Amino acid sequence: MRREYPGFAIGAVGAVLIRDNRILLVKRGSPPARGKWSLPGGIVEPGEKISDAARRELKEETGLDAEPIGVIWILNNIVLDNSRRVKYHYIIVDVLFNPESVKSEARPGSDAVDVRWFSLEEALESREVSRTVSRLVGYIVEKGLNYIPIEGIDNIAVEIGDNIYQSI
């Protein structure tokens, strides 16, 4: 699957962990947003539940394990190049985690070069934080931590060959 100049949008997740009015962010080591502070996250693998993908990405990029509780934000992230061609296109489902369930200590991993807790105010004001995170934090500050429970969206695929369908 090509990430640059894709033929279609790519499904991805972001892991949202907020504790004591601070949000956990990673400094990106790879494009897009290389060098910016962003949510831990990445591509959903084929057959993977949204909650499992977010939990995997949280662990890979921060070393932390936690329980996902719901979807807080969905972003249609389109990045254009200088000639206005679509260079990146991700549909990102941001999953909120229970801060009381966190195991381990944060450390950078995978393509994250650093990991750090930002106050919500700092995340809103810092030019080093990605625009998408700033938008999410602005929403959280204005509206609170509203989310769709993970059980409501994390359905499993059905076996089409046997004509067995799962109601959603």
Protein backbone atom coordinates (compact mmCIF):
# COMPACT_ATOMS: atom_id res chain seq x y z
CA MET A 1 0.00 0.00 0.00
CA ARG A 2 1.41 3.34 -1.04
CA ARG A 3 1.17 6.00 1.63
CA GLU A 4 2.41 8.81 -0.61
CA TYR A 5 0.10 9.65 -3.50
CA PRO A 6 -2.35 6.87 -2.59
CA GLY A 7 -5.13 5.67 -4.88
CA PHE A 8 -7.61 5.88 -2.00
CA ALA A 9 -7.91 7.12 1.58
CA ILE A 10 -6.10 5.03 4.19
CA GLY A 11 -7.74 4.03 7.49
CA ALA A 12 -5.75 5.05 10.56
CA VAL A 13 -6.12 5.56 14.31
CA GLY A 14 -4.86 8.01 16.89
CA ALA A 15 -4.53 7.21 20.60
CA VAL A 16 -5.87 9.94 22.90
CA LEU A 17 -4.67 9.68 26.48
CA ILE A 18 -5.51 12.55 28.83
CA ARG A 19 -4.56 12.55 32.50
CA ASP A 20 -4.64 15.45 34.96
CA ASN A 21 -5.54 17.92 32.20
CA ARG A 22 -2.50 16.84 30.16
CA ILE A 23 -2.42 15.01 26.82
CA LEU A 24 0.23 12.47 25.79
CA LEU A 25 1.93 13.32 22.49
CA VAL A 26 4.79 11.87 20.46
CA LYS A 27 7.29 13.71 18.30
CA ARG A 28 7.00 12.27 14.79
CA GLY A 29 10.10 10.84 13.18
CA SER A 30 8.44 10.15 9.80
CA PRO A 31 6.19 12.06 7.40
CA PRO A 32 3.58 13.33 7.40
CA ALA A 33 4.13 15.84 10.24
CA ARG A 34 7.78 14.82 10.80
CA GLY A 35 9.15 16.78 13.75
CA LYS A 36 5.71 17.78 15.05
CA TRP A 37 4.13 16.65 18.29
CA SER A 38 1.13 14.49 17.46
CA LEU A 39 -1.02 11.68 18.80
CA PRO A 40 0.50 8.22 18.85
CA GLY A 41 -1.08 6.41 15.95
CA GLY A 42 -0.87 4.75 12.59
CA ILE A 43 -2.55 2.59 9.99
CA VAL A 44 -5.22 0.02 10.82
CA GLU A 45 -4.02 -3.39 9.65
CA PRO A 46 -6.37 -5.63 7.61
CA GLY A 47 -8.81 -7.46 9.92
CA GLU A 48 -7.84 -5.36 12.95
CA LYS A 49 -10.44 -3.77 15.22
CA ILE A 50 -10.19 0.00 15.67
CA SER A 51 -9.63 -0.44 19.42
CA ASP A 52 -6.91 -3.05 18.86
CA ALA A 53 -5.13 -0.84 16.31
CA ALA A 54 -5.18 2.16 18.65
CA ARG A 55 -3.96 0.06 21.58
CA ARG A 56 -1.17 -1.44 19.44
CA GLU A 57 -0.06 1.98 18.20
CA LEU A 58 -0.11 3.43 21.73
CA LYS A 59 2.13 0.60 22.92
CA GLU A 60 4.48 0.71 19.89
CA GLU A 61 5.02 4.47 20.03
CA THR A 62 4.96 5.13 23.80
CA GLY A 63 5.49 1.79 25.57
CA LEU A 64 2.18 2.30 27.40
CA ASP A 65 -0.71 -0.13 27.55
CA ALA A 66 -4.19 1.13 28.41
CA GLU A 67 -7.87 0.32 27.89
CA PRO A 68 -9.66 2.05 25.01
CA ILE A 69 -13.05 3.43 25.99
CA GLY A 70 -14.43 5.19 22.92
CA VAL A 71 -14.11 7.21 19.74
CA ILE A 72 -13.67 10.91 20.46
CA TRP A 73 -12.90 12.36 17.01
CA ILE A 74 -12.83 11.39 13.33
CA LEU A 75 -10.63 13.34 10.94
CA ASN A 76 -10.47 13.33 7.15
CA ASN A 77 -6.80 14.35 6.86
CA ILE A 78 -5.79 15.36 3.33
CA VAL A 79 -2.29 16.73 2.66
CA LEU A 80 -1.62 18.34 -0.73
CA ASP A 81 1.77 18.82 -2.38
CA ASN A 82 2.91 22.08 -4.05
CA SER A 83 1.07 21.20 -7.26
CA ARG A 84 -2.18 20.56 -5.29
CA ARG A 85 -2.03 16.78 -5.76
CA VAL A 86 -3.07 14.59 -2.83
CA LYS A 87 0.19 13.47 -1.24
CA TYR A 88 -1.39 11.85 1.85
CA HIS A 89 -5.00 11.00 2.65
CA TYR A 90 -5.93 9.38 5.96
CA ILE A 91 -9.29 8.82 7.61
CA ILE A 92 -8.21 8.92 11.26
CA VAL A 93 -10.36 7.59 14.08
CA ASP A 94 -9.11 9.01 17.40
CA VAL A 95 -9.68 6.59 20.27
CA LEU A 96 -9.90 7.81 23.87
CA PHE A 97 -8.17 5.69 26.53
CA ASN A 98 -8.95 5.28 30.22
CA PRO A 99 -6.14 7.10 32.10
CA GLU A 100 -6.72 4.93 35.18
CA SER A 101 -5.81 1.80 33.19
CA VAL A 102 -2.32 2.91 32.08
CA LYS A 103 0.44 0.37 32.60
CA SER A 104 4.18 1.09 32.37
CA GLU A 105 6.13 4.32 31.86
CA ALA A 106 6.14 6.37 28.66
CA ARG A 107 9.16 6.01 26.36
CA PRO A 108 9.49 6.68 22.63
CA GLY A 109 9.36 3.77 20.21
CA SER A 110 8.60 2.89 16.59
CA ASP A 111 8.68 6.10 14.53
CA ALA A 112 8.32 8.37 17.60
CA VAL A 113 11.56 10.15 18.50
CA ASP A 114 10.22 11.51 21.81
CA VAL A 115 7.14 11.25 24.03
CA ARG A 116 5.85 13.91 26.39
CA TRP A 117 2.82 15.08 28.36
CA PHE A 118 1.51 18.53 27.33
CA SER A 119 -0.99 20.59 29.27
CA LEU A 120 -4.10 21.16 27.16
CA GLU A 121 -3.32 24.89 27.08
CA GLU A 122 0.26 24.27 25.91
CA ALA A 123 -0.96 21.89 23.20
CA LEU A 124 -3.33 24.59 21.96
CA GLU A 125 -0.65 27.30 21.86
CA SER A 126 2.51 25.47 20.74
CA ARG A 127 3.57 25.78 17.10
CA GLU A 128 5.40 22.46 17.53
CA VAL A 129 2.08 20.62 17.98
CA SER A 130 0.38 19.45 14.76
CA ARG A 131 -2.65 21.41 13.55
CA THR A 132 -4.83 18.31 13.83
CA VAL A 133 -3.96 17.87 17.51
CA SER A 134 -4.59 21.59 18.14
CA ARG A 135 -8.05 21.21 16.58
CA LEU A 136 -8.80 18.13 18.69
CA VAL A 137 -7.63 19.80 21.91
CA GLY A 138 -9.70 22.90 21.09
CA TYR A 139 -12.74 20.65 20.71
CA ILE A 140 -12.00 18.90 24.03
CA VAL A 141 -11.54 22.22 25.87
CA GLU A 142 -14.79 23.57 24.41
CA LYS A 143 -17.00 20.44 24.51
CA GLY A 144 -15.40 18.11 27.08
CA LEU A 145 -14.46 14.45 26.75
CA ASN A 146 -17.51 13.22 24.86
CA TYR A 147 -17.12 9.93 23.05
CA ILE A 148 -18.93 7.04 21.40
CA PRO A 149 -18.37 3.88 23.49
CA ILE A 150 -15.97 1.51 21.76
CA GLU A 151 -18.46 -1.35 22.00
CA GLY A 152 -20.76 0.60 19.71
CA ILE A 153 -18.33 0.77 16.79
CA ASP A 154 -15.85 -2.08 17.11
CA ASN A 155 -17.67 -4.82 15.22
CA ILE A 156 -16.01 -7.84 13.66
CA ALA A 157 -16.20 -8.72 9.95
CA VAL A 158 -18.53 -11.44 8.76
CA GLU A 159 -17.89 -14.46 6.56
CA ILE A 160 -19.43 -13.52 3.24
CA GLY A 161 -18.85 -16.98 1.73
CA ASP A 162 -21.28 -18.57 4.17
CA ASN A 163 -23.80 -15.75 3.78
CA ILE A 164 -23.57 -15.01 7.49
CA TYR A 165 -24.15 -11.33 8.21
CA GLN A 166 -23.60 -9.45 11.42
CA SER A 167 -26.08 -6.74 12.27
CA ILE A 168 -24.57 -3.45 13.28
